[in-house]
Structure formats: structure tokens, C-alpha cells
Amino acid sequence: MKKTLLIAAVVLAAVSATPAQTKNPVSSALRDILPGRQKNIVAAVEEMPADKFNYKPTADQITFGHLTTHIIESNNLLCSKAAAVPAPKIEEVKESDSKDKLVSSLKASFDFCSDALAKMDDSKLGETTEGFGGKQVTRAWAGIILASSWADHYGMAAMYLRLNGLTPPSAKK
């Protein structure tokens, strides 16, 4: 009897220690990733001095202001496509806009992503939607590109900061 109780206790402990499966693992992962990426990207854009938004490391690269507008546009498009919600109607942002306007638009794009991803569920990931250049892609594709874009864009912003003698947010202790 004691052996049976011991086995039952071990099994119960193992089962209770196993994480519960989430109903929407992909959309839940995107929602979990968003706050950290948002924090670092917004902080990086805020860190760059306004007079450096026209900075680009080489003639062939984009300016920091262009990078910022690209992030704003990508957030609005990809969060819309991944979550199957309409993109927000916003005034076009330009790399020549003021730092304050770009930061405000960037924050609004992340707020939109947060709202959109809150409505996302994995049952629609196989649906097709229009991607870049009219190409038909799945909503899963949009979500994967969204997450990888956040990493890529933050990496670029961090490099631009370092090239200007500034420390990226994720490197600050």
C-alpha cells in the first residue's frame, strides 16, 4: 500500500510540474515576446538624439529615421495580417518627421500590435492574406516575419546607437 501511495505521489508531482498546454501556442508566444521587444525598440529610438535621425553608417544604408518609419509600417501591417484585424488608419510617417512624432507613431504602432495580438488565435494561422508585393502568405508567415523583424530592427538600431557612441538599452545594466 505504501509503495502504491509513493508511486501515486510521484506521478501526481510529475503531472503537476508539467506545464499546461496552451490553447494558442503561437499567438501566445507573440504576445509574450511583444513587451520586451517593444521596450527595447522604443528605448533605442528614444536614445538616439534628434539630430542623428538622418545618420546612416554608409551611403547604401538607410537612415535611422527611415529605420524608425519602417518599424512603424511593419508593425501596423504585420500585426494586422497575423491577427486578421484591419490595419489602423494613420497619417503617413516620413523619415524627415520630428523625433517626437516618430516616437509617438512608434509607440502607437506597438499599442496597435498589442491590441491586435490580443485578438489573435491560432485557428486562423493557416488562412491566406496578402503580404508584401501582393504575394499570398499565411497568417502564420506574418507572425513569424513580425517576430524576426523585431529582432532584426532592434539589432540595426543598436548598431546605429553604438556607431554614435551610445549604449543600446539591452546593454545597459
N, C-alpha and C. Protein backbone atom coordinates (compact mmCIF):
# COMPACT_ATOMS: atom_id res chain seq x y z
N MET A 1 0.82 -1.20 0.00
CA MET A 1 0.00 0.00 0.00
C MET A 1 0.86 1.26 0.00
N LYS A 2 1.92 1.24 0.86
CA LYS A 2 2.80 2.40 0.93
C LYS A 2 3.48 2.63 -0.42
N LYS A 3 3.86 1.53 -1.08
CA LYS A 3 4.53 1.64 -2.38
C LYS A 3 3.58 2.25 -3.40
N THR A 4 2.33 1.86 -3.40
CA THR A 4 1.33 2.40 -4.32
C THR A 4 1.12 3.88 -4.06
N LEU A 5 1.03 4.26 -2.79
CA LEU A 5 0.88 5.68 -2.45
C LEU A 5 2.10 6.49 -2.88
N LEU A 6 3.29 5.92 -2.71
CA LEU A 6 4.51 6.61 -3.11
C LEU A 6 4.53 6.81 -4.62
N ILE A 7 4.17 5.79 -5.38
CA ILE A 7 4.12 5.90 -6.85
C ILE A 7 3.08 6.93 -7.26
N ALA A 8 1.93 6.90 -6.62
CA ALA A 8 0.88 7.88 -6.94
C ALA A 8 1.36 9.30 -6.64
N ALA A 9 2.06 9.47 -5.53
CA ALA A 9 2.56 10.80 -5.17
C ALA A 9 3.58 11.29 -6.18
N VAL A 10 4.47 10.39 -6.63
CA VAL A 10 5.48 10.76 -7.63
C VAL A 10 4.81 11.13 -8.95
N VAL A 11 3.84 10.35 -9.37
CA VAL A 11 3.12 10.64 -10.62
C VAL A 11 2.38 11.97 -10.51
N LEU A 12 1.70 12.19 -9.39
CA LEU A 12 1.00 13.47 -9.20
C LEU A 12 1.96 14.64 -9.22
N ALA A 13 3.10 14.49 -8.59
CA ALA A 13 4.10 15.57 -8.57
C ALA A 13 4.61 15.84 -9.99
N ALA A 14 4.85 14.77 -10.74
CA ALA A 14 5.34 14.95 -12.11
C ALA A 14 4.30 15.62 -12.99
N VAL A 15 3.05 15.22 -12.85
CA VAL A 15 1.98 15.80 -13.65
C VAL A 15 1.77 17.27 -13.29
N SER A 16 1.80 17.58 -12.01
CA SER A 16 1.58 18.97 -11.61
C SER A 16 2.77 19.86 -11.98
N ALA A 17 3.96 19.28 -12.15
CA ALA A 17 5.13 20.06 -12.54
C ALA A 17 5.20 20.28 -14.05
N THR A 18 4.43 19.50 -14.80
CA THR A 18 4.41 19.64 -16.25
C THR A 18 3.61 20.87 -16.63
N PRO A 19 4.20 21.77 -17.43
CA PRO A 19 3.43 22.96 -17.80
C PRO A 19 2.18 22.60 -18.59
N ALA A 20 1.12 23.31 -18.31
CA ALA A 20 -0.13 23.07 -19.02
C ALA A 20 0.02 23.51 -20.47
N GLN A 21 -0.59 22.76 -21.36
CA GLN A 21 -0.54 23.15 -22.77
C GLN A 21 -1.44 24.36 -22.96
N THR A 22 -0.94 25.29 -23.75
CA THR A 22 -1.72 26.47 -24.03
C THR A 22 -2.57 26.22 -25.27
N LYS A 23 -3.72 26.83 -25.29
CA LYS A 23 -4.66 26.63 -26.40
C LYS A 23 -4.12 27.25 -27.70
N ASN A 24 -3.40 28.36 -27.59
CA ASN A 24 -2.90 29.08 -28.76
C ASN A 24 -1.40 29.34 -28.60
N PRO A 25 -0.56 28.32 -28.80
CA PRO A 25 0.86 28.49 -28.50
C PRO A 25 1.57 29.55 -29.36
N VAL A 26 1.20 29.67 -30.62
CA VAL A 26 1.89 30.64 -31.48
C VAL A 26 1.49 32.07 -31.12
N SER A 27 0.19 32.33 -31.07
CA SER A 27 -0.24 33.69 -30.74
C SER A 27 0.14 34.05 -29.30
N SER A 28 0.12 33.08 -28.40
CA SER A 28 0.56 33.34 -27.02
C SER A 28 2.04 33.71 -26.99
N ALA A 29 2.84 33.02 -27.80
CA ALA A 29 4.27 33.33 -27.86
C ALA A 29 4.50 34.75 -28.38
N LEU A 30 3.77 35.15 -29.41
CA LEU A 30 3.91 36.51 -29.93
C LEU A 30 3.53 37.54 -28.87
N ARG A 31 2.44 37.28 -28.16
CA ARG A 31 2.02 38.20 -27.10
C ARG A 31 3.07 38.27 -25.98
N ASP A 32 3.72 37.13 -25.70
CA ASP A 32 4.75 37.10 -24.66
C ASP A 32 6.02 37.84 -25.09
N ILE A 33 6.36 37.76 -26.36
CA ILE A 33 7.57 38.38 -26.90
C ILE A 33 7.42 39.89 -27.01
N LEU A 34 6.23 40.35 -27.35
CA LEU A 34 5.99 41.76 -27.65
C LEU A 34 6.50 42.75 -26.59
N PRO A 35 6.18 42.61 -25.32
CA PRO A 35 6.58 43.66 -24.36
C PRO A 35 8.09 43.93 -24.31
N GLY A 36 8.89 42.89 -24.34
CA GLY A 36 10.34 43.07 -24.30
C GLY A 36 10.87 43.73 -25.56
N ARG A 37 10.35 43.30 -26.71
CA ARG A 37 10.79 43.91 -27.97
C ARG A 37 10.35 45.36 -28.04
N GLN A 38 9.12 45.61 -27.62
CA GLN A 38 8.60 46.99 -27.61
C GLN A 38 9.46 47.87 -26.72
N LYS A 39 9.75 47.40 -25.53
CA LYS A 39 10.55 48.17 -24.57
C LYS A 39 11.90 48.54 -25.18
N ASN A 40 12.61 47.56 -25.74
CA ASN A 40 13.95 47.83 -26.28
C ASN A 40 13.93 48.70 -27.52
N ILE A 41 13.00 48.44 -28.43
CA ILE A 41 12.96 49.23 -29.67
C ILE A 41 12.58 50.67 -29.37
N VAL A 42 11.55 50.87 -28.57
CA VAL A 42 11.14 52.25 -28.23
C VAL A 42 12.28 52.96 -27.49
N ALA A 43 12.91 52.28 -26.56
CA ALA A 43 14.01 52.90 -25.81
C ALA A 43 15.18 53.24 -26.73
N ALA A 44 15.46 52.40 -27.72
CA ALA A 44 16.54 52.68 -28.66
C ALA A 44 16.24 53.92 -29.48
N VAL A 45 15.01 54.04 -29.95
CA VAL A 45 14.63 55.21 -30.74
C VAL A 45 14.65 56.47 -29.87
N GLU A 46 14.21 56.34 -28.63
CA GLU A 46 14.26 57.49 -27.72
C GLU A 46 15.70 57.89 -27.39
N GLU A 47 16.59 56.92 -27.34
CA GLU A 47 18.00 57.17 -27.01
C GLU A 47 18.73 57.97 -28.09
N MET A 48 18.38 57.72 -29.34
CA MET A 48 19.09 58.40 -30.44
C MET A 48 18.75 59.89 -30.43
N PRO A 49 19.77 60.75 -30.41
CA PRO A 49 19.50 62.20 -30.45
C PRO A 49 18.76 62.59 -31.73
N ALA A 50 17.91 63.59 -31.63
CA ALA A 50 17.10 64.03 -32.78
C ALA A 50 17.96 64.39 -33.98
N ASP A 51 19.13 64.97 -33.75
CA ASP A 51 19.97 65.37 -34.87
C ASP A 51 20.69 64.20 -35.54
N LYS A 52 20.50 62.99 -35.02
CA LYS A 52 21.11 61.79 -35.61
C LYS A 52 20.10 60.93 -36.37
N PHE A 53 18.86 61.38 -36.49
CA PHE A 53 17.87 60.59 -37.20
C PHE A 53 18.16 60.53 -38.70
N ASN A 54 19.02 61.41 -39.18
CA ASN A 54 19.41 61.35 -40.60
C ASN A 54 20.73 60.60 -40.77
N TYR A 55 21.25 60.03 -39.68
CA TYR A 55 22.51 59.28 -39.72
C TYR A 55 22.31 57.94 -40.43
N LYS A 56 23.28 57.59 -41.28
CA LYS A 56 23.35 56.25 -41.85
C LYS A 56 24.82 55.87 -41.92
N PRO A 57 25.15 54.63 -41.55
CA PRO A 57 26.55 54.22 -41.47
C PRO A 57 27.31 54.31 -42.80
N THR A 58 26.64 53.96 -43.89
CA THR A 58 27.26 54.05 -45.21
C THR A 58 26.23 54.63 -46.17
N ALA A 59 26.70 55.04 -47.32
CA ALA A 59 25.80 55.64 -48.32
C ALA A 59 24.70 54.68 -48.75
N ASP A 60 24.97 53.38 -48.71
CA ASP A 60 23.99 52.40 -49.17
C ASP A 60 22.97 51.99 -48.12
N GLN A 61 23.17 52.40 -46.89
CA GLN A 61 22.25 52.01 -45.82
C GLN A 61 21.18 53.08 -45.61
N ILE A 62 20.13 52.67 -44.88
CA ILE A 62 19.03 53.60 -44.60
C ILE A 62 19.38 54.47 -43.40
N THR A 63 18.70 55.60 -43.30
CA THR A 63 18.90 56.47 -42.13
C THR A 63 18.19 55.88 -40.92
N PHE A 64 18.55 56.37 -39.75
CA PHE A 64 17.88 55.94 -38.53
C PHE A 64 16.40 56.32 -38.58
N GLY A 65 16.10 57.48 -39.12
CA GLY A 65 14.70 57.89 -39.27
C GLY A 65 13.93 56.95 -40.19
N HIS A 66 14.59 56.52 -41.27
CA HIS A 66 13.95 55.57 -42.19
C HIS A 66 13.70 54.24 -41.48
N LEU A 67 14.69 53.79 -40.71
CA LEU A 67 14.51 52.56 -39.93
C LEU A 67 13.30 52.67 -39.02
N THR A 68 13.16 53.81 -38.38
CA THR A 68 12.03 54.02 -37.47
C THR A 68 10.70 53.98 -38.21
N THR A 69 10.61 54.63 -39.36
CA THR A 69 9.36 54.59 -40.13
C THR A 69 9.08 53.17 -40.63
N HIS A 70 10.14 52.45 -40.97
CA HIS A 70 9.97 51.06 -41.43
C HIS A 70 9.40 50.19 -40.31
N ILE A 71 9.87 50.38 -39.10
CA ILE A 71 9.35 49.61 -37.96
C ILE A 71 7.87 49.93 -37.75
N ILE A 72 7.53 51.20 -37.81
CA ILE A 72 6.13 51.62 -37.63
C ILE A 72 5.25 50.95 -38.68
N GLU A 73 5.65 51.04 -39.94
CA GLU A 73 4.86 50.47 -41.03
C GLU A 73 4.79 48.95 -40.92
N SER A 74 5.90 48.31 -40.57
CA SER A 74 5.92 46.85 -40.41
C SER A 74 5.00 46.40 -39.28
N ASN A 75 5.06 47.09 -38.15
CA ASN A 75 4.17 46.74 -37.03
C ASN A 75 2.71 46.81 -37.46
N ASN A 76 2.33 47.91 -38.08
CA ASN A 76 0.92 48.08 -38.46
C ASN A 76 0.49 47.04 -39.49
N LEU A 77 1.33 46.75 -40.46
CA LEU A 77 0.98 45.78 -41.49
C LEU A 77 0.99 44.35 -40.95
N LEU A 78 2.11 43.95 -40.35
CA LEU A 78 2.25 42.56 -39.95
C LEU A 78 1.36 42.16 -38.79
N CYS A 79 1.14 43.06 -37.84
CA CYS A 79 0.21 42.74 -36.74
C CYS A 79 -1.21 42.61 -37.28
N SER A 80 -1.56 43.45 -38.24
CA SER A 80 -2.87 43.36 -38.88
C SER A 80 -3.03 42.02 -39.59
N LYS A 81 -2.03 41.65 -40.37
CA LYS A 81 -2.10 40.41 -41.15
C LYS A 81 -2.09 39.17 -40.26
N ALA A 82 -1.22 39.16 -39.26
CA ALA A 82 -1.12 38.00 -38.38
C ALA A 82 -2.41 37.79 -37.58
N ALA A 83 -3.00 38.89 -37.12
CA ALA A 83 -4.16 38.80 -36.23
C ALA A 83 -5.51 38.87 -36.94
N ALA A 84 -5.49 39.09 -38.25
CA ALA A 84 -6.74 39.17 -39.03
C ALA A 84 -7.63 40.33 -38.56
N VAL A 85 -7.00 41.47 -38.32
CA VAL A 85 -7.73 42.69 -37.97
C VAL A 85 -7.30 43.80 -38.92
N PRO A 86 -8.17 44.78 -39.15
CA PRO A 86 -7.78 45.86 -40.07
C PRO A 86 -6.62 46.69 -39.50
N ALA A 87 -5.75 47.10 -40.40
CA ALA A 87 -4.64 47.99 -40.01
C ALA A 87 -5.21 49.35 -39.64
N PRO A 88 -4.56 50.05 -38.73
CA PRO A 88 -5.07 51.37 -38.35
C PRO A 88 -4.93 52.37 -39.49
N LYS A 89 -5.85 53.28 -39.53
CA LYS A 89 -5.77 54.39 -40.50
C LYS A 89 -4.91 55.46 -39.84
N ILE A 90 -3.71 55.63 -40.36
CA ILE A 90 -2.80 56.60 -39.77
C ILE A 90 -2.26 57.53 -40.84
N GLU A 91 -1.82 58.67 -40.38
CA GLU A 91 -1.15 59.61 -41.26
C GLU A 91 0.21 59.00 -41.62
N GLU A 92 0.60 59.12 -42.87
CA GLU A 92 1.88 58.58 -43.31
C GLU A 92 3.02 59.22 -42.52
N VAL A 93 3.94 58.38 -42.07
CA VAL A 93 5.12 58.91 -41.38
C VAL A 93 6.28 58.98 -42.37
N LYS A 94 7.10 59.99 -42.19
CA LYS A 94 8.25 60.19 -43.07
C LYS A 94 9.51 60.23 -42.22
N GLU A 95 10.60 59.76 -42.78
CA GLU A 95 11.85 59.77 -42.03
C GLU A 95 12.29 61.18 -41.64
N SER A 96 11.77 62.17 -42.34
CA SER A 96 12.11 63.57 -42.03
C SER A 96 11.21 64.16 -40.94
N ASP A 97 10.21 63.40 -40.47
CA ASP A 97 9.36 63.88 -39.38
C ASP A 97 10.20 64.08 -38.11
N SER A 98 9.70 64.88 -37.20
CA SER A 98 10.43 65.14 -35.96
C SER A 98 10.58 63.85 -35.15
N LYS A 99 11.59 63.84 -34.31
CA LYS A 99 11.81 62.69 -33.43
C LYS A 99 10.57 62.45 -32.58
N ASP A 100 9.98 63.51 -32.03
CA ASP A 100 8.80 63.36 -31.18
C ASP A 100 7.66 62.68 -31.93
N LYS A 101 7.44 63.09 -33.18
CA LYS A 101 6.37 62.49 -33.97
C LYS A 101 6.68 61.02 -34.27
N LEU A 102 7.93 60.72 -34.60
CA LEU A 102 8.29 59.34 -34.89
C LEU A 102 8.18 58.46 -33.65
N VAL A 103 8.61 58.95 -32.51
CA VAL A 103 8.49 58.18 -31.26
C VAL A 103 7.02 57.95 -30.93
N SER A 104 6.20 58.97 -31.07
CA SER A 104 4.77 58.84 -30.81
C SER A 104 4.13 57.82 -31.75
N SER A 105 4.48 57.88 -33.02
CA SER A 105 3.93 56.93 -34.01
C SER A 105 4.43 55.52 -33.74
N LEU A 106 5.67 55.39 -33.31
CA LEU A 106 6.23 54.08 -32.98
C LEU A 106 5.47 53.47 -31.81
N LYS A 107 5.26 54.26 -30.76
CA LYS A 107 4.51 53.77 -29.60
C LYS A 107 3.09 53.38 -30.00
N ALA A 108 2.47 54.17 -30.85
CA ALA A 108 1.11 53.86 -31.31
C ALA A 108 1.09 52.55 -32.10
N SER A 109 2.13 52.30 -32.89
CA SER A 109 2.18 51.06 -33.67
C SER A 109 2.32 49.85 -32.75
N PHE A 110 3.08 49.99 -31.68
CA PHE A 110 3.19 48.89 -30.73
C PHE A 110 1.89 48.72 -29.93
N ASP A 111 1.21 49.81 -29.62
CA ASP A 111 -0.10 49.72 -28.96
C ASP A 111 -1.08 48.97 -29.86
N PHE A 112 -1.04 49.29 -31.17
CA PHE A 112 -1.90 48.58 -32.11
C PHE A 112 -1.55 47.10 -32.11
N CYS A 113 -0.26 46.78 -32.15
CA CYS A 113 0.15 45.37 -32.14
C CYS A 113 -0.37 44.66 -30.89
N SER A 114 -0.26 45.31 -29.75
CA SER A 114 -0.74 44.72 -28.51
C SER A 114 -2.24 44.42 -28.58
N ASP A 115 -3.00 45.38 -29.07
CA ASP A 115 -4.45 45.18 -29.22
C ASP A 115 -4.77 44.10 -30.25
N ALA A 116 -4.06 44.13 -31.37
CA ALA A 116 -4.31 43.16 -32.44
C ALA A 116 -3.95 41.75 -31.99
N LEU A 117 -2.77 41.59 -31.39
CA LEU A 117 -2.34 40.26 -30.96
C LEU A 117 -3.20 39.72 -29.83
N ALA A 118 -3.84 40.59 -29.06
CA ALA A 118 -4.76 40.13 -28.01
C ALA A 118 -5.96 39.42 -28.63
N LYS A 119 -6.29 39.75 -29.87
CA LYS A 119 -7.43 39.14 -30.57
C LYS A 119 -7.02 37.94 -31.42
N MET A 120 -5.73 37.71 -31.54
CA MET A 120 -5.23 36.64 -32.41
C MET A 120 -5.42 35.28 -31.77
N ASP A 121 -5.79 34.30 -32.59
CA ASP A 121 -5.81 32.92 -32.13
C ASP A 121 -5.27 32.03 -33.24
N ASP A 122 -4.72 30.90 -32.83
CA ASP A 122 -4.02 30.03 -33.76
C ASP A 122 -4.91 29.38 -34.81
N SER A 123 -6.21 29.39 -34.61
CA SER A 123 -7.10 28.72 -35.56
C SER A 123 -7.08 29.38 -36.94
N LYS A 124 -6.60 30.63 -37.02
CA LYS A 124 -6.59 31.35 -38.30
C LYS A 124 -5.20 31.38 -38.95
N LEU A 125 -4.22 30.73 -38.35
CA LEU A 125 -2.85 30.82 -38.86
C LEU A 125 -2.68 30.25 -40.26
N GLY A 126 -3.53 29.32 -40.65
CA GLY A 126 -3.44 28.73 -41.98
C GLY A 126 -4.14 29.54 -43.06
N GLU A 127 -4.90 30.55 -42.66
CA GLU A 127 -5.59 31.40 -43.65
C GLU A 127 -4.57 32.20 -44.45
N THR A 128 -4.91 32.47 -45.70
CA THR A 128 -4.01 33.29 -46.51
C THR A 128 -4.44 34.75 -46.47
N THR A 129 -3.46 35.59 -46.66
CA THR A 129 -3.66 37.03 -46.67
C THR A 129 -2.63 37.61 -47.63
N GLU A 130 -2.80 38.87 -47.96
CA GLU A 130 -1.86 39.49 -48.88
C GLU A 130 -0.65 40.00 -48.12
N GLY A 131 0.52 39.55 -48.55
CA GLY A 131 1.77 40.00 -47.94
C GLY A 131 2.41 41.09 -48.78
N PHE A 132 3.70 41.22 -48.64
CA PHE A 132 4.45 42.24 -49.38
C PHE A 132 4.35 41.98 -50.88
N GLY A 133 4.16 43.04 -51.63
CA GLY A 133 4.13 42.93 -53.09
C GLY A 133 2.96 42.13 -53.62
N GLY A 134 1.90 42.00 -52.84
CA GLY A 134 0.72 41.27 -53.29
C GLY A 134 0.84 39.76 -53.18
N LYS A 135 1.96 39.27 -52.68
CA LYS A 135 2.17 37.83 -52.54
C LYS A 135 1.21 37.25 -51.50
N GLN A 136 0.62 36.11 -51.80
CA GLN A 136 -0.27 35.44 -50.86
C GLN A 136 0.56 34.66 -49.84
N VAL A 137 0.31 34.94 -48.57
CA VAL A 137 1.05 34.30 -47.48
C VAL A 137 0.05 33.88 -46.41
N THR A 138 0.48 33.03 -45.51
CA THR A 138 -0.39 32.65 -44.40
C THR A 138 -0.25 33.65 -43.25
N ARG A 139 -1.24 33.63 -42.38
CA ARG A 139 -1.16 34.48 -41.19
C ARG A 139 0.01 34.03 -40.30
N ALA A 140 0.32 32.73 -40.33
CA ALA A 140 1.48 32.23 -39.59
C ALA A 140 2.75 32.89 -40.12
N TRP A 141 2.87 33.01 -41.43
CA TRP A 141 4.03 33.66 -42.05
C TRP A 141 4.16 35.08 -41.52
N ALA A 142 3.05 35.80 -41.48
CA ALA A 142 3.08 37.19 -41.00
C ALA A 142 3.56 37.25 -39.55
N GLY A 143 3.12 36.32 -38.72
CA GLY A 143 3.55 36.30 -37.32
C GLY A 143 5.02 35.99 -37.17
N ILE A 144 5.51 35.05 -37.96
CA ILE A 144 6.93 34.69 -37.90
C ILE A 144 7.79 35.85 -38.39
N ILE A 145 7.39 36.48 -39.49
CA ILE A 145 8.14 37.62 -40.02
C ILE A 145 8.09 38.78 -39.01
N LEU A 146 6.97 38.96 -38.35
CA LEU A 146 6.84 40.02 -37.34
C LEU A 146 7.88 39.83 -36.24
N ALA A 147 7.93 38.64 -35.66
CA ALA A 147 8.86 38.38 -34.56
C ALA A 147 10.31 38.51 -35.02
N SER A 148 10.62 38.00 -36.20
CA SER A 148 12.00 38.11 -36.68
C SER A 148 12.34 39.55 -37.03
N SER A 149 11.37 40.31 -37.48
CA SER A 149 11.60 41.73 -37.79
C SER A 149 11.94 42.51 -36.54
N TRP A 150 11.25 42.23 -35.45
CA TRP A 150 11.56 42.93 -34.20
C TRP A 150 13.02 42.72 -33.82
N ALA A 151 13.49 41.48 -33.94
CA ALA A 151 14.89 41.18 -33.59
C ALA A 151 15.84 41.89 -34.55
N ASP A 152 15.56 41.81 -35.83
CA ASP A 152 16.41 42.44 -36.85
C ASP A 152 16.44 43.96 -36.67
N HIS A 153 15.29 44.55 -36.51
CA HIS A 153 15.21 46.01 -36.39
C HIS A 153 15.90 46.50 -35.11
N TYR A 154 15.73 45.78 -34.02
CA TYR A 154 16.43 46.19 -32.80
C TYR A 154 17.94 46.07 -32.98
N GLY A 155 18.38 45.00 -33.63
CA GLY A 155 19.81 44.83 -33.89
C GLY A 155 20.37 45.99 -34.70
N MET A 156 19.61 46.41 -35.71
CA MET A 156 20.05 47.56 -36.51
C MET A 156 20.10 48.83 -35.66
N ALA A 157 19.05 49.07 -34.89
CA ALA A 157 19.01 50.27 -34.05
C ALA A 157 20.16 50.27 -33.05
N ALA A 158 20.46 49.11 -32.46
CA ALA A 158 21.56 49.01 -31.51
C ALA A 158 22.89 49.33 -32.18
N MET A 159 23.07 48.85 -33.40
CA MET A 159 24.30 49.13 -34.13
C MET A 159 24.43 50.63 -34.41
N TYR A 160 23.34 51.26 -34.85
CA TYR A 160 23.36 52.69 -35.13
C TYR A 160 23.71 53.47 -33.86
N LEU A 161 23.14 53.06 -32.73
CA LEU A 161 23.45 53.72 -31.46
C LEU A 161 24.94 53.59 -31.14
N ARG A 162 25.46 52.38 -31.23
CA ARG A 162 26.88 52.15 -30.91
C ARG A 162 27.79 52.96 -31.82
N LEU A 163 27.45 53.03 -33.10
CA LEU A 163 28.27 53.80 -34.04
C LEU A 163 28.25 55.30 -33.72
N ASN A 164 27.31 55.70 -32.89
CA ASN A 164 27.23 57.10 -32.46
C ASN A 164 27.65 57.26 -30.99
N GLY A 165 28.34 56.25 -30.47
CA GLY A 165 28.87 56.34 -29.11
C GLY A 165 27.84 56.16 -28.02
N LEU A 166 26.70 55.58 -28.35
CA LEU A 166 25.61 55.40 -27.37
C LEU A 166 25.44 53.92 -27.04
N THR A 167 24.96 53.65 -25.86
CA THR A 167 24.75 52.27 -25.42
C THR A 167 23.31 51.85 -25.67
N PRO A 168 23.12 50.72 -26.37
CA PRO A 168 21.75 50.23 -26.61
C PRO A 168 21.07 49.85 -25.29
N PRO A 169 19.75 49.97 -25.24
CA PRO A 169 19.02 49.68 -24.00
C PRO A 169 19.30 48.30 -23.40
N SER A 170 19.41 47.28 -24.24
CA SER A 170 19.61 45.93 -23.71
C SER A 170 21.01 45.73 -23.14
N ALA A 171 21.94 46.64 -23.43
CA ALA A 171 23.31 46.53 -22.92
C ALA A 171 23.51 47.33 -21.64
N LYS A 172 22.51 48.06 -21.23
CA LYS A 172 22.62 48.86 -20.01
C LYS A 172 22.29 47.99 -18.81
N LYS A 173 23.05 48.14 -17.78
CA LYS A 173 22.83 47.34 -16.56
C LYS A 173 22.16 48.17 -15.51
